[in-house]
Amino acid sequence: MGNKKFFKPRIITLPLQMMLLKKEYPEAKCSLKNNELVWEGIIKPSPLSREYNIRILCHGVKQRPVVILYGDNLEGLERKDFPHKFRIDKENNKEVKLCLHFFDEFKFLQPITDTIIPWIQEWLYFYEIWLITDKWYGGGHEVKNSFKESKEI
């Protein structure tokens, strides 16, 4: 009666994440090399939105994915109040490393297709509203000294 079995949740490996991404987004580029998954695709947050170039980098399954928004159609990069980002490279590549979630909210127990991609879509939706209204309605938190960039990839 006291013989309960406990199962540890299984990590979704990078090859499996890649397979799920390719199945859901066959038009996107996806590669896996030296335990690094790279996904590059286009995301359109709503039918009235424009399309955005996204790159997701996964360096193993112990660090959370890095999400980069890039391309020539980005607006507001020069603004000091650009929302929920870790870094902006406006000179060279016109790219933004996005802040989508708290450090411990994503684990590789979940498919990227069910977590990171919808979070990107939501971020882009609120980004477009921010461009029009100058107000961020997407929630989240302000990054202060409590979060160290060293935890990032």
C-alpha atoms as a PDB file:
ATOM      1  CA  MET A   1       0.000   0.000   0.000  1.00  0.00           C
ATOM      2  CA  GLY A   2       2.836   2.404   0.743  1.00  0.00           C
ATOM      3  CA  ASN A   3       4.591   1.333  -2.447  1.00  0.00           C
ATOM      4  CA  LYS A   4       3.967   4.406  -4.621  1.00  0.00           C
ATOM      5  CA  LYS A   5       6.136   4.905  -7.644  1.00  0.00           C
ATOM      6  CA  PHE A   6       7.283   8.373  -8.476  1.00  0.00           C
ATOM      7  CA  PHE A   7       8.357   9.251 -11.953  1.00  0.00           C
ATOM      8  CA  LYS A   8      10.676  12.031 -12.803  1.00  0.00           C
ATOM      9  CA  PRO A   9       9.387  14.174 -15.700  1.00  0.00           C
ATOM     10  CA  ARG A  10      11.223  13.521 -18.936  1.00  0.00           C
ATOM     11  CA  ILE A  11      13.198  16.199 -20.682  1.00  0.00           C
ATOM     12  CA  ILE A  12      12.283  16.813 -24.299  1.00  0.00           C
ATOM     13  CA  THR A  13      15.634  16.434 -26.010  1.00  0.00           C
ATOM     14  CA  LEU A  14      16.880  18.822 -28.676  1.00  0.00           C
ATOM     15  CA  PRO A  15      16.392  16.243 -31.484  1.00  0.00           C
ATOM     16  CA  LEU A  16      12.771  15.807 -30.388  1.00  0.00           C
ATOM     17  CA  GLN A  17      12.301  19.583 -30.080  1.00  0.00           C
ATOM     18  CA  MET A  18      13.667  19.888 -33.616  1.00  0.00           C
ATOM     19  CA  MET A  19      11.258  17.263 -34.910  1.00  0.00           C
ATOM     20  CA  LEU A  20       8.295  19.066 -33.283  1.00  0.00           C
ATOM     21  CA  LEU A  21       9.413  22.432 -34.696  1.00  0.00           C
ATOM     22  CA  LYS A  22       9.835  20.998 -38.203  1.00  0.00           C
ATOM     23  CA  LYS A  23       6.410  19.371 -38.034  1.00  0.00           C
ATOM     24  CA  GLU A  24       4.676  22.568 -36.874  1.00  0.00           C
ATOM     25  CA  TYR A  25       6.715  24.976 -39.052  1.00  0.00           C
ATOM     26  CA  PRO A  26       7.902  23.066 -42.147  1.00  0.00           C
ATOM     27  CA  GLU A  27       8.789  26.287 -44.005  1.00  0.00           C
ATOM     28  CA  ALA A  28      11.257  27.392 -41.288  1.00  0.00           C
ATOM     29  CA  LYS A  29      14.946  26.522 -41.138  1.00  0.00           C
ATOM     30  CA  CYS A  30      15.919  24.209 -38.309  1.00  0.00           C
ATOM     31  CA  SER A  31      19.287  22.628 -37.605  1.00  0.00           C
ATOM     32  CA  LEU A  32      20.966  20.722 -34.818  1.00  0.00           C
ATOM     33  CA  LYS A  33      24.729  20.586 -34.551  1.00  0.00           C
ATOM     34  CA  ASN A  34      27.065  20.092 -31.573  1.00  0.00           C
ATOM     35  CA  ASN A  35      24.131  20.112 -29.120  1.00  0.00           C
ATOM     36  CA  GLU A  36      22.913  23.477 -30.439  1.00  0.00           C
ATOM     37  CA  LEU A  37      19.464  23.812 -31.952  1.00  0.00           C
ATOM     38  CA  VAL A  38      18.886  26.773 -34.267  1.00  0.00           C
ATOM     39  CA  TRP A  39      15.393  27.601 -35.551  1.00  0.00           C
ATOM     40  CA  GLU A  40      14.771  30.488 -37.957  1.00  0.00           C
ATOM     41  CA  GLY A  41      11.285  31.287 -39.047  1.00  0.00           C
ATOM     42  CA  ILE A  42       8.722  33.951 -39.662  1.00  0.00           C
ATOM     43  CA  ILE A  43       6.033  34.748 -37.116  1.00  0.00           C
ATOM     44  CA  LYS A  44       2.976  36.875 -37.751  1.00  0.00           C
ATOM     45  CA  PRO A  45       1.208  37.641 -34.440  1.00  0.00           C
ATOM     46  CA  SER A  46      -2.192  38.441 -35.957  1.00  0.00           C
ATOM     47  CA  PRO A  47      -3.821  38.421 -39.403  1.00  0.00           C
ATOM     48  CA  LEU A  48      -3.358  42.205 -39.631  1.00  0.00           C
ATOM     49  CA  SER A  49       0.267  42.141 -38.480  1.00  0.00           C
ATOM     50  CA  ARG A  50       3.402  42.180 -40.519  1.00  0.00           C
ATOM     51  CA  GLU A  51       5.766  39.230 -40.528  1.00  0.00           C
ATOM     52  CA  TYR A  52       8.784  39.116 -38.231  1.00  0.00           C
ATOM     53  CA  ASN A  53      12.026  37.167 -38.524  1.00  0.00           C
ATOM     54  CA  ILE A  54      12.758  35.109 -35.421  1.00  0.00           C
ATOM     55  CA  ARG A  55      15.781  33.056 -34.441  1.00  0.00           C
ATOM     56  CA  ILE A  56      15.658  30.647 -31.499  1.00  0.00           C
ATOM     57  CA  LEU A  57      18.952  29.285 -30.164  1.00  0.00           C
ATOM     58  CA  CYS A  58      19.105  26.384 -27.723  1.00  0.00           C
ATOM     59  CA  HIS A  59      22.503  25.559 -26.267  1.00  0.00           C
ATOM     60  CA  GLY A  60      21.729  22.215 -24.681  1.00  0.00           C
ATOM     61  CA  VAL A  61      18.769  21.607 -22.371  1.00  0.00           C
ATOM     62  CA  LYS A  62      20.170  23.202 -19.213  1.00  0.00           C
ATOM     63  CA  GLN A  63      19.911  26.818 -20.385  1.00  0.00           C
ATOM     64  CA  ARG A  64      16.758  28.480 -21.576  1.00  0.00           C
ATOM     65  CA  PRO A  65      16.376  29.288 -25.260  1.00  0.00           C
ATOM     66  CA  VAL A  66      17.603  32.614 -26.586  1.00  0.00           C
ATOM     67  CA  VAL A  67      15.052  34.356 -28.793  1.00  0.00           C
ATOM     68  CA  ILE A  68      16.204  36.977 -31.297  1.00  0.00           C
ATOM     69  CA  LEU A  69      13.928  39.239 -33.324  1.00  0.00           C
ATOM     70  CA  TYR A  70      15.755  40.599 -36.373  1.00  0.00           C
ATOM     71  CA  GLY A  71      15.304  42.332 -39.686  1.00  0.00           C
ATOM     72  CA  ASP A  72      14.936  45.647 -41.425  1.00  0.00           C
ATOM     73  CA  ASN A  73      11.263  46.120 -40.532  1.00  0.00           C
ATOM     74  CA  LEU A  74      11.933  46.625 -36.808  1.00  0.00           C
ATOM     75  CA  GLU A  75      10.853  49.943 -35.376  1.00  0.00           C
ATOM     76  CA  GLY A  76      11.607  51.747 -32.139  1.00  0.00           C
ATOM     77  CA  LEU A  77      15.101  50.296 -31.667  1.00  0.00           C
ATOM     78  CA  GLU A  78      16.462  53.754 -30.859  1.00  0.00           C
ATOM     79  CA  ARG A  79      13.939  54.294 -28.054  1.00  0.00           C
ATOM     80  CA  LYS A  80      15.132  54.019 -24.455  1.00  0.00           C
ATOM     81  CA  ASP A  81      11.767  52.546 -23.424  1.00  0.00           C
ATOM     82  CA  PHE A  82      11.957  49.627 -25.896  1.00  0.00           C
ATOM     83  CA  PRO A  83      10.104  46.933 -23.917  1.00  0.00           C
ATOM     84  CA  HIS A  84      11.172  43.607 -22.489  1.00  0.00           C
ATOM     85  CA  LYS A  85      14.480  42.991 -24.127  1.00  0.00           C
ATOM     86  CA  PHE A  86      17.911  41.948 -22.943  1.00  0.00           C
ATOM     87  CA  ARG A  87      19.955  43.561 -25.689  1.00  0.00           C
ATOM     88  CA  ILE A  88      19.521  45.546 -28.881  1.00  0.00           C
ATOM     89  CA  ASP A  89      22.043  45.510 -31.712  1.00  0.00           C
ATOM     90  CA  LYS A  90      20.763  48.299 -33.935  1.00  0.00           C
ATOM     91  CA  GLU A  91      23.935  49.137 -35.840  1.00  0.00           C
ATOM     92  CA  ASN A  92      25.120  45.821 -37.234  1.00  0.00           C
ATOM     93  CA  ASN A  93      22.286  43.354 -37.427  1.00  0.00           C
ATOM     94  CA  LYS A  94      19.132  45.187 -36.361  1.00  0.00           C
ATOM     95  CA  GLU A  95      18.296  42.526 -33.840  1.00  0.00           C
ATOM     96  CA  VAL A  96      16.781  42.340 -30.380  1.00  0.00           C
ATOM     97  CA  LYS A  97      17.262  39.614 -27.795  1.00  0.00           C
ATOM     98  CA  LEU A  98      13.760  39.285 -26.337  1.00  0.00           C
ATOM     99  CA  CYS A  99      12.718  38.857 -22.706  1.00  0.00           C
ATOM    100  CA  LEU A 100       9.704  36.544 -22.835  1.00  0.00           C
ATOM    101  CA  HIS A 101       9.517  34.939 -19.405  1.00  0.00           C
ATOM    102  CA  PHE A 102      11.113  34.618 -15.989  1.00  0.00           C
ATOM    103  CA  PHE A 103      14.282  32.531 -15.763  1.00  0.00           C
ATOM    104  CA  ASP A 104      12.600  29.449 -14.281  1.00  0.00           C
ATOM    105  CA  GLU A 105       9.342  29.507 -16.274  1.00  0.00           C
ATOM    106  CA  PHE A 106      10.651  27.416 -19.146  1.00  0.00           C
ATOM    107  CA  LYS A 107      12.070  23.944 -18.752  1.00  0.00           C
ATOM    108  CA  PHE A 108      12.808  21.470 -21.517  1.00  0.00           C
ATOM    109  CA  LEU A 109       9.941  19.386 -20.161  1.00  0.00           C
ATOM    110  CA  GLN A 110       7.736  21.393 -22.522  1.00  0.00           C
ATOM    111  CA  PRO A 111       7.787  21.662 -26.303  1.00  0.00           C
ATOM    112  CA  ILE A 112       9.108  24.939 -27.681  1.00  0.00           C
ATOM    113  CA  THR A 113       6.143  24.877 -30.071  1.00  0.00           C
ATOM    114  CA  ASP A 114       3.740  25.073 -27.096  1.00  0.00           C
ATOM    115  CA  THR A 115       5.644  27.641 -25.012  1.00  0.00           C
ATOM    116  CA  ILE A 116       8.348  29.779 -26.588  1.00  0.00           C
ATOM    117  CA  ILE A 117       6.634  30.246 -29.976  1.00  0.00           C
ATOM    118  CA  PRO A 118       3.270  31.348 -28.472  1.00  0.00           C
ATOM    119  CA  TRP A 119       5.163  33.644 -26.069  1.00  0.00           C
ATOM    120  CA  ILE A 120       6.922  35.201 -29.077  1.00  0.00           C
ATOM    121  CA  GLN A 121       3.571  35.700 -30.832  1.00  0.00           C
ATOM    122  CA  GLU A 122       2.166  37.373 -27.738  1.00  0.00           C
ATOM    123  CA  TRP A 123       5.255  39.588 -27.336  1.00  0.00           C
ATOM    124  CA  LEU A 124       5.014  40.685 -30.987  1.00  0.00           C
ATOM    125  CA  TYR A 125       1.301  41.429 -30.614  1.00  0.00           C
ATOM    126  CA  PHE A 126       1.999  43.755 -27.684  1.00  0.00           C
ATOM    127  CA  TYR A 127       5.049  45.186 -29.468  1.00  0.00           C
ATOM    128  CA  GLU A 128       2.819  46.353 -32.305  1.00  0.00           C
ATOM    129  CA  ILE A 129       0.410  47.938 -29.821  1.00  0.00           C
ATOM    130  CA  TRP A 130       3.379  49.618 -28.088  1.00  0.00           C
ATOM    131  CA  LEU A 131       4.511  51.103 -31.407  1.00  0.00           C
ATOM    132  CA  ILE A 132       1.096  52.749 -31.824  1.00  0.00           C
ATOM    133  CA  THR A 133       0.277  53.738 -28.223  1.00  0.00           C
ATOM    134  CA  ASP A 134       3.726  54.195 -26.609  1.00  0.00           C
ATOM    135  CA  LYS A 135       2.499  52.006 -23.740  1.00  0.00           C
ATOM    136  CA  TRP A 136       3.447  48.379 -23.040  1.00  0.00           C
ATOM    137  CA  TYR A 137       0.307  46.363 -22.262  1.00  0.00           C
ATOM    138  CA  GLY A 138       2.037  42.988 -22.279  1.00  0.00           C
ATOM    139  CA  GLY A 139       2.704  42.737 -18.553  1.00  0.00           C
ATOM    140  CA  GLY A 140       5.951  41.307 -17.275  1.00  0.00           C
ATOM    141  CA  HIS A 141       8.411  43.015 -15.008  1.00  0.00           C
ATOM    142  CA  GLU A 142      11.153  45.578 -15.146  1.00  0.00           C
ATOM    143  CA  VAL A 143      14.641  44.106 -15.292  1.00  0.00           C
ATOM    144  CA  LYS A 144      16.702  45.648 -12.493  1.00  0.00           C
ATOM    145  CA  ASN A 145      19.769  44.452 -10.633  1.00  0.00           C
ATOM    146  CA  SER A 146      17.831  41.421  -9.375  1.00  0.00           C
ATOM    147  CA  PHE A 147      18.375  39.636 -12.687  1.00  0.00           C
ATOM    148  CA  LYS A 148      21.917  38.966 -13.785  1.00  0.00           C
ATOM    149  CA  GLU A 149      22.692  38.814 -17.495  1.00  0.00           C
ATOM    150  CA  SER A 150      25.215  36.106 -16.565  1.00  0.00           C
ATOM    151  CA  LYS A 151      22.307  33.686 -16.270  1.00  0.00           C
ATOM    152  CA  GLU A 152      21.663  34.258 -19.934  1.00  0.00           C
ATOM    153  CA  ILE A 153      23.337  32.499 -22.790  1.00  0.00           C
END
